[in-house]
Amino acid sequence: MKTELVEKVNDGELTPAVELGLVVSFAEDLKGDILQRFHRNETDKMDKRFTEFILIEAVRMLLDLPPVTFYNFLRGNEKLRSAMGLKHLKSLGNYMDFKRKRKKLDVRFKDVSIRNFDGKSDEVYALDNFKIEVDLNKYRSGKKIKQEKFDAEFQHSTTKGTIVGFQASLLINLSNFSLQKLEIYPITKAKKDIWNEMVLSVLGTKQGNKKSVIADGGFFAYDNYTRSARQRIVPIINPRSGLEEEVKEKLEEASVNIEWFDSQNSKDFKTLLEEFEEIVGEAVEKSLNYDDFKVDRSKIEHIFKIAKEIFGMKDLHIYSKRTALWRAFAAVYVSTLFYQFLERNEINPHRAMGLLSHNKDAW
């Protein structure tokens, strides 16, 4: 992205020309670095339409344009048209036809989501829960909607009080802001079970690289500390007030995972034991000094805000878990890519979010 455009965004100047320059640059990067890699191997026509659909939704959300207006705008702007290079969804009719047939998009999207702008990363992650709020007005009057399975739940929001929506859990890599896993859970789901499915099942290992996961006090459970250490994960979880010493004792008393030593190719016992003690010591030190990691963990909030305020994950007109997960997955994944784009171009995320927020529905 051109230096003068970066400076103007960081100074809070978002003229139509600056906005278009930012969007064109993001479209070029998204198409060239992410979506083109999806087509290195032979892909069918549906997959090619799908990746173009992702590109279109990302661009039109940044421009705050509904589909009809977007295609009219695209027709008259050669620079954006060239950056996007649409071949399969070139017209509004193509776009609307594909949108009606996208029943299997959730499966295809997960094939795309492993691509990120920066492939290299450190093993530091963040886990957090967030609310996906739905709009009940459409449900009130639509017969088709009433026949849909209703999975949304009454929940408590710290800013709005009682809302209706879904509880989602997000795991990201903090070094390159890449999406690792997103899932929707009922509000009654135990935090230990969420930790097991989102962290241990994804990052846990017997003899692989050591990883660290930062999470707030909502995931406080003694088992989350001890089970993580046994799977070579340093749990940096904010302990409940007054229970710091208990956390230290539980970790220091934790037994090593015997499965570490059942492989013929494993390291020697002494080395593995030393590594386990190192993980335990690091977990104790960092969890008891959780405030030192608040700034790092708070970066995951940027992803939520971008997804909700720019890429349409707010006041959704959907009520089933399956549909909500697809919408959230799409919005969050594109949000992680946009945040990576801001970081690599040294654009202030807070400034960009404030300038581009518009709360539109997408996907």
Protein backbone atom coordinates (compact mmCIF):
# COMPACT_ATOMS: atom_id res chain seq x y z
CA MET A 1 0.00 0.00 0.00
CA LYS A 2 1.32 3.45 -0.88
CA THR A 3 3.01 5.37 1.94
CA GLU A 4 0.91 8.50 1.44
CA LEU A 5 -2.31 6.49 1.80
CA VAL A 6 -1.05 4.85 5.00
CA GLU A 7 -0.18 8.25 6.46
CA LYS A 8 -3.60 9.68 5.64
CA VAL A 9 -5.44 6.76 7.26
CA ASN A 10 -3.25 7.03 10.38
CA ASP A 11 -4.00 10.76 10.48
CA GLY A 12 -7.74 10.03 10.42
CA GLU A 13 -8.29 11.21 6.85
CA LEU A 14 -10.60 8.92 4.88
CA THR A 15 -11.56 10.68 1.69
CA PRO A 16 -13.23 8.62 -1.05
CA ALA A 17 -9.86 8.41 -2.83
CA VAL A 18 -8.07 7.18 0.31
CA GLU A 19 -10.80 4.65 1.05
CA LEU A 20 -10.70 3.31 -2.49
CA GLY A 21 -6.90 3.08 -2.39
CA LEU A 22 -7.04 1.06 0.82
CA VAL A 23 -9.74 -1.25 -0.56
CA VAL A 24 -7.92 -1.80 -3.86
CA SER A 25 -4.70 -2.64 -2.02
CA PHE A 26 -6.50 -5.12 0.25
CA ALA A 27 -8.27 -6.69 -2.73
CA GLU A 28 -4.95 -7.15 -4.55
CA ASP A 29 -3.35 -8.79 -1.50
CA LEU A 30 -6.37 -10.95 -0.73
CA LYS A 31 -6.62 -12.21 -4.29
CA GLY A 32 -2.89 -12.63 -4.90
CA ASP A 33 -1.66 -13.95 -1.56
CA ILE A 34 -4.67 -15.89 -0.29
CA LEU A 35 -7.27 -16.86 -2.87
CA GLN A 36 -4.88 -17.61 -5.74
CA ARG A 37 -3.08 -20.16 -3.55
CA PHE A 38 -6.37 -21.95 -3.20
CA HIS A 39 -6.30 -22.55 -6.97
CA ARG A 40 -2.75 -23.84 -7.35
CA ASN A 41 -4.15 -27.31 -7.76
CA GLU A 42 -6.96 -27.97 -10.22
CA THR A 43 -10.25 -26.77 -8.73
CA ASP A 44 -13.80 -26.99 -9.94
CA LYS A 45 -15.95 -24.09 -11.07
CA MET A 46 -17.89 -23.99 -7.79
CA ASP A 47 -14.69 -23.48 -5.78
CA LYS A 48 -13.62 -20.66 -8.07
CA ARG A 49 -17.01 -19.00 -7.67
CA PHE A 50 -16.73 -19.45 -3.94
CA THR A 51 -13.37 -17.71 -3.61
CA GLU A 52 -14.65 -14.84 -5.75
CA PHE A 53 -17.68 -14.61 -3.47
CA ILE A 54 -15.36 -14.20 -0.46
CA LEU A 55 -13.47 -11.45 -2.28
CA ILE A 56 -16.66 -9.63 -3.29
CA GLU A 57 -18.14 -9.71 0.21
CA ALA A 58 -14.92 -8.45 1.78
CA VAL A 59 -14.59 -5.56 -0.68
CA ARG A 60 -18.22 -4.45 -0.67
CA MET A 61 -18.30 -4.49 3.16
CA LEU A 62 -15.28 -2.20 3.27
CA LEU A 63 -16.96 0.12 0.77
CA ASP A 64 -20.30 -0.15 2.62
CA LEU A 65 -22.20 -0.99 -0.57
CA PRO A 66 -25.18 -3.35 -1.09
CA PRO A 67 -24.77 -5.83 -3.97
CA VAL A 68 -26.66 -3.80 -6.61
CA THR A 69 -24.74 -0.61 -5.87
CA PHE A 70 -21.45 -2.50 -5.65
CA TYR A 71 -21.77 -3.94 -9.15
CA ASN A 72 -22.73 -0.53 -10.54
CA PHE A 73 -19.67 0.96 -8.83
CA LEU A 74 -17.43 -1.86 -10.08
CA ARG A 75 -18.61 -1.34 -13.64
CA GLY A 76 -17.38 2.24 -13.57
CA ASN A 77 -14.09 1.74 -11.71
CA GLU A 78 -11.36 0.14 -13.80
CA LYS A 79 -8.77 0.13 -10.99
CA LEU A 80 -10.93 -1.91 -8.61
CA ARG A 81 -12.17 -4.11 -11.45
CA SER A 82 -8.57 -4.92 -12.38
CA ALA A 83 -7.57 -5.60 -8.76
CA MET A 84 -10.42 -8.06 -8.22
CA GLY A 85 -10.18 -9.73 -11.63
CA LEU A 86 -13.59 -11.41 -11.41
CA LYS A 87 -14.18 -14.17 -13.95
CA HIS A 88 -17.08 -16.21 -12.59
CA LEU A 89 -19.21 -13.71 -10.62
CA LYS A 90 -18.77 -10.80 -13.00
CA SER A 91 -22.42 -9.72 -12.92
CA LEU A 92 -25.07 -9.18 -10.26
CA GLY A 93 -27.03 -12.08 -11.75
CA ASN A 94 -24.05 -14.45 -11.35
CA TYR A 95 -23.59 -13.26 -7.76
CA MET A 96 -27.25 -13.67 -6.75
CA ASP A 97 -27.49 -17.09 -8.41
CA PHE A 98 -24.44 -18.32 -6.53
CA LYS A 99 -25.65 -16.85 -3.25
CA ARG A 100 -28.85 -18.90 -3.53
CA LYS A 101 -26.86 -22.11 -4.09
CA ARG A 102 -24.27 -21.79 -1.35
CA LYS A 103 -25.54 -24.58 0.94
CA LYS A 104 -22.14 -26.27 1.16
CA LEU A 105 -20.04 -23.17 1.58
CA ASP A 106 -19.26 -23.83 5.23
CA VAL A 107 -17.33 -26.95 4.22
CA ARG A 108 -15.44 -25.21 1.42
CA PHE A 109 -14.58 -22.19 3.54
CA LYS A 110 -12.55 -24.28 5.97
CA ASP A 111 -10.30 -25.31 3.08
CA VAL A 112 -9.52 -21.64 2.44
CA SER A 113 -9.16 -20.54 6.04
CA ILE A 114 -5.73 -22.09 6.60
CA ARG A 115 -4.15 -19.49 4.30
CA ASN A 116 -2.77 -16.32 5.87
CA PHE A 117 -0.60 -13.43 4.70
CA ASP A 118 2.25 -14.40 7.05
CA GLY A 119 2.90 -18.13 7.22
CA LYS A 120 5.58 -17.90 9.92
CA SER A 121 4.40 -17.63 13.50
CA ASP A 122 5.38 -18.05 17.13
CA GLU A 123 3.48 -20.51 19.31
CA VAL A 124 1.56 -17.92 21.34
CA TYR A 125 -2.24 -18.03 21.20
CA ALA A 126 -5.29 -16.37 22.72
CA LEU A 127 -8.68 -17.90 23.51
CA ASP A 128 -11.80 -15.86 24.19
CA ASN A 129 -15.59 -16.09 24.13
CA PHE A 130 -17.81 -13.52 22.44
CA LYS A 131 -21.49 -12.97 21.70
CA ILE A 132 -23.10 -13.15 18.25
CA GLU A 133 -26.30 -11.14 18.54
CA VAL A 134 -29.30 -11.89 16.31
CA ASP A 135 -32.20 -9.69 15.24
CA LEU A 136 -35.59 -11.18 16.13
CA ASN A 137 -37.63 -8.81 13.96
CA LYS A 138 -37.35 -11.01 10.88
CA TYR A 139 -38.20 -14.12 12.87
CA ARG A 140 -41.41 -12.50 14.04
CA SER A 141 -42.95 -12.28 10.58
CA GLY A 142 -41.32 -14.84 8.28
CA LYS A 143 -42.92 -18.27 7.81
CA LYS A 144 -39.76 -19.69 6.33
CA ILE A 145 -37.70 -18.45 9.25
CA LYS A 146 -40.17 -19.89 11.76
CA GLN A 147 -39.69 -23.33 10.25
CA GLU A 148 -35.94 -23.11 10.79
CA LYS A 149 -34.39 -24.72 13.84
CA PHE A 150 -34.08 -22.08 16.55
CA ASP A 151 -30.76 -22.49 18.38
CA ALA A 152 -30.24 -18.91 19.57
CA GLU A 153 -30.35 -18.43 23.36
CA PHE A 154 -31.07 -15.67 25.85
CA GLN A 155 -27.72 -14.40 27.10
CA HIS A 156 -26.31 -11.63 29.26
CA SER A 157 -24.31 -8.84 27.68
CA THR A 158 -22.21 -6.60 29.93
CA THR A 159 -23.14 -3.59 27.78
CA LYS A 160 -26.74 -4.36 26.72
CA GLY A 161 -28.14 -6.62 29.42
CA THR A 162 -30.29 -9.47 28.09
CA ILE A 163 -29.79 -10.30 24.41
CA VAL A 164 -30.64 -13.19 22.08
CA GLY A 165 -27.81 -14.83 20.21
CA PHE A 166 -25.01 -17.37 20.25
CA GLN A 167 -21.92 -17.84 22.38
CA ALA A 168 -18.82 -18.39 20.26
CA SER A 169 -15.24 -19.29 21.18
CA LEU A 170 -12.28 -18.10 19.12
CA LEU A 171 -8.66 -19.28 19.15
CA ILE A 172 -6.11 -17.19 17.26
CA ASN A 173 -2.34 -17.09 16.94
CA LEU A 174 -1.24 -13.77 18.43
CA SER A 175 2.00 -13.55 16.45
CA ASN A 176 0.35 -13.34 13.03
CA PHE A 177 -3.38 -13.07 13.96
CA SER A 178 -4.25 -16.23 12.09
CA LEU A 179 -7.53 -18.02 12.82
CA GLN A 180 -6.99 -21.42 14.45
CA LYS A 181 -10.51 -22.46 15.42
CA LEU A 182 -14.00 -20.99 15.83
CA GLU A 183 -16.92 -22.83 17.38
CA ILE A 184 -20.38 -22.05 18.76
CA TYR A 185 -21.34 -23.57 22.11
CA PRO A 186 -24.48 -23.50 24.27
CA ILE A 187 -24.17 -21.18 27.24
CA THR A 188 -24.38 -24.21 29.55
CA LYS A 189 -21.20 -25.73 28.09
CA ALA A 190 -18.58 -26.15 30.82
CA LYS A 191 -15.47 -24.02 30.38
CA LYS A 192 -13.33 -27.13 30.96
CA ASP A 193 -15.00 -28.81 28.00
CA ILE A 194 -14.55 -25.73 25.82
CA TRP A 195 -10.87 -25.58 26.79
CA ASN A 196 -10.45 -29.24 25.92
CA GLU A 197 -12.03 -28.86 22.46
CA MET A 198 -10.59 -25.45 21.56
CA VAL A 199 -7.09 -25.72 23.07
CA LEU A 200 -6.01 -29.23 24.03
CA SER A 201 -7.47 -30.94 20.97
CA VAL A 202 -5.99 -28.33 18.62
CA LEU A 203 -2.62 -27.50 20.19
CA GLY A 204 -1.88 -30.34 22.61
CA THR A 205 1.10 -32.57 21.87
CA LYS A 206 3.18 -35.29 23.55
CA GLN A 207 6.60 -34.26 22.28
CA GLY A 208 6.06 -31.33 19.89
CA ASN A 209 6.83 -27.64 20.32
CA LYS A 210 5.81 -25.93 23.52
CA LYS A 211 2.89 -23.51 23.12
CA SER A 212 1.35 -20.77 25.27
CA VAL A 213 -2.34 -19.86 25.47
CA ILE A 214 -3.61 -16.65 27.09
CA ALA A 215 -7.20 -16.62 28.39
CA ASP A 216 -9.20 -14.54 30.85
CA GLY A 217 -10.64 -15.66 34.19
CA GLY A 218 -13.71 -17.14 32.53
CA PHE A 219 -11.59 -20.20 31.75
CA PHE A 220 -10.29 -20.57 35.30
CA ALA A 221 -10.31 -24.23 36.34
CA TYR A 222 -7.54 -26.22 38.01
CA ASP A 223 -7.91 -28.93 35.37
CA ASN A 224 -7.25 -26.41 32.61
CA TYR A 225 -3.86 -25.63 34.16
CA THR A 226 -2.74 -29.19 34.86
CA ARG A 227 -4.06 -30.89 31.70
CA SER A 228 -2.46 -28.17 29.57
CA ALA A 229 0.96 -28.62 31.17
CA ARG A 230 0.79 -32.35 30.50
CA GLN A 231 0.25 -31.60 26.80
CA ARG A 232 3.15 -29.14 26.53
CA ILE A 233 0.95 -26.05 26.71
CA VAL A 234 1.70 -23.14 29.04
CA PRO A 235 -1.74 -22.00 30.30
CA ILE A 236 -1.72 -18.25 31.03
CA ILE A 237 -5.16 -18.02 32.65
CA ASN A 238 -6.13 -15.20 35.00
CA PRO A 239 -6.59 -16.90 38.41
CA ARG A 240 -9.53 -15.99 40.59
CA SER A 241 -8.81 -13.55 43.37
CA GLY A 242 -7.50 -15.27 46.47
CA LEU A 243 -6.76 -18.57 44.71
CA GLU A 244 -3.29 -17.75 43.41
CA GLU A 245 -1.52 -20.04 45.89
CA GLU A 246 -3.89 -22.91 45.11
CA VAL A 247 -3.08 -22.54 41.40
CA LYS A 248 0.63 -22.68 42.20
CA GLU A 249 0.21 -25.79 44.35
CA LYS A 250 -1.94 -27.61 41.78
CA LEU A 251 0.60 -26.98 39.03
CA GLU A 252 3.63 -27.90 41.12
CA GLU A 253 1.92 -31.12 42.24
CA ALA A 254 0.88 -32.07 38.69
CA SER A 255 2.21 -35.40 37.49
CA VAL A 256 4.02 -35.71 34.19
CA ASN A 257 2.13 -37.20 31.25
CA ILE A 258 3.27 -40.84 31.10
CA GLU A 259 2.43 -40.91 27.37
CA TRP A 260 5.45 -38.72 26.76
CA PHE A 261 7.68 -41.72 27.35
CA ASP A 262 5.93 -44.50 25.43
CA SER A 263 7.61 -43.92 22.07
CA GLN A 264 10.83 -45.57 20.91
CA ASN A 265 11.82 -42.29 19.31
CA SER A 266 11.13 -40.18 22.38
CA LYS A 267 13.78 -38.03 24.02
CA ASP A 268 15.42 -39.42 27.12
CA PHE A 269 13.44 -39.37 30.34
CA LYS A 270 15.60 -36.73 32.00
CA THR A 271 15.20 -34.24 29.15
CA LEU A 272 11.43 -34.66 29.01
CA LEU A 273 11.12 -34.29 32.76
CA GLU A 274 13.18 -31.10 32.68
CA GLU A 275 10.95 -29.72 29.94
CA PHE A 276 7.82 -30.56 31.93
CA GLU A 277 9.20 -28.78 34.99
CA GLU A 278 10.05 -25.80 32.80
CA ILE A 279 6.46 -25.67 31.45
CA VAL A 280 5.03 -25.88 34.98
CA GLY A 281 7.34 -23.14 36.23
CA GLU A 282 6.46 -20.90 33.30
CA ALA A 283 2.73 -21.50 33.80
CA VAL A 284 2.97 -20.57 37.49
CA GLU A 285 5.01 -17.43 36.86
CA LYS A 286 2.93 -16.12 33.95
CA SER A 287 -0.50 -16.94 35.38
CA LEU A 288 0.34 -15.24 38.67
CA ASN A 289 1.52 -12.21 36.68
CA TYR A 290 -1.43 -12.25 34.29
CA ASP A 291 -1.65 -8.45 34.15
CA ASP A 292 1.57 -8.46 32.12
CA PHE A 293 -0.29 -10.23 29.31
CA LYS A 294 -3.53 -8.22 29.25
CA VAL A 295 -2.38 -6.02 26.39
CA ASP A 296 -1.45 -9.02 24.25
CA ARG A 297 -4.73 -10.81 25.00
CA SER A 298 -6.75 -7.68 24.27
CA LYS A 299 -5.62 -7.82 20.64
CA ILE A 300 -8.18 -10.55 20.05
CA GLU A 301 -10.82 -7.89 20.76
CA HIS A 302 -9.73 -6.15 17.56
CA ILE A 303 -10.81 -9.18 15.57
CA PHE A 304 -14.26 -9.16 17.21
CA LYS A 305 -14.71 -5.45 16.52
CA ILE A 306 -13.66 -5.70 12.88
CA ALA A 307 -15.97 -8.68 12.35
CA LYS A 308 -18.94 -6.91 13.94
CA GLU A 309 -18.45 -3.33 12.80
CA ILE A 310 -17.04 -3.85 9.30
CA PHE A 311 -17.69 -7.38 8.07
CA GLY A 312 -21.32 -7.86 9.06
CA MET A 313 -21.28 -10.13 12.12
CA LYS A 314 -23.89 -8.13 14.00
CA ASP A 315 -27.68 -8.32 14.40
CA LEU A 316 -27.85 -11.35 12.12
CA HIS A 317 -31.15 -12.56 10.70
CA ILE A 318 -30.29 -16.20 11.34
CA TYR A 319 -31.27 -18.50 14.17
CA SER A 320 -29.74 -21.95 13.63
CA LYS A 321 -26.27 -22.84 14.92
CA ARG A 322 -25.12 -24.21 11.56
CA THR A 323 -25.98 -21.04 9.67
CA ALA A 324 -24.65 -18.79 12.43
CA LEU A 325 -21.34 -20.67 12.51
CA TRP A 326 -20.89 -20.23 8.76
CA ARG A 327 -21.62 -16.49 8.97
CA ALA A 328 -19.33 -16.02 11.96
CA PHE A 329 -16.56 -18.13 10.45
CA ALA A 330 -16.62 -16.12 7.23
CA ALA A 331 -16.66 -12.74 8.99
CA VAL A 332 -13.98 -13.66 11.54
CA TYR A 333 -11.66 -15.19 8.97
CA VAL A 334 -11.80 -12.16 6.68
CA SER A 335 -11.36 -9.96 9.77
CA THR A 336 -8.13 -11.77 10.70
CA LEU A 337 -6.86 -11.24 7.15
CA PHE A 338 -7.78 -7.55 7.25
CA TYR A 339 -6.04 -7.14 10.60
CA GLN A 340 -2.94 -8.83 9.15
CA PHE A 341 -3.17 -6.41 6.21
CA LEU A 342 -3.30 -3.43 8.60
CA GLU A 343 -0.32 -4.72 10.57
CA ARG A 344 1.87 -5.44 7.54
CA ASN A 345 1.15 -1.91 6.21
CA GLU A 346 1.72 -0.28 9.63
CA ILE A 347 -1.81 1.12 9.77
CA ASN A 348 -3.19 1.89 13.23
CA PRO A 349 -5.98 -0.70 13.76
CA HIS A 350 -7.96 1.56 16.10
CA ARG A 351 -7.87 4.40 13.59
CA ALA A 352 -8.87 2.16 10.68
CA MET A 353 -11.74 0.56 12.62
CA GLY A 354 -13.10 3.94 13.62
CA LEU A 355 -13.04 5.20 10.05
CA LEU A 356 -14.51 2.10 8.41
CA SER A 357 -17.17 0.97 10.92
CA HIS A 358 -20.68 0.87 9.50
CA ASN A 359 -22.53 -2.16 10.93
CA LYS A 360 -23.80 -3.76 7.72
CA ASP A 361 -25.16 -7.28 7.26
CA ALA A 362 -23.09 -9.55 5.01
CA TRP A 363 -22.57 -13.12 3.86
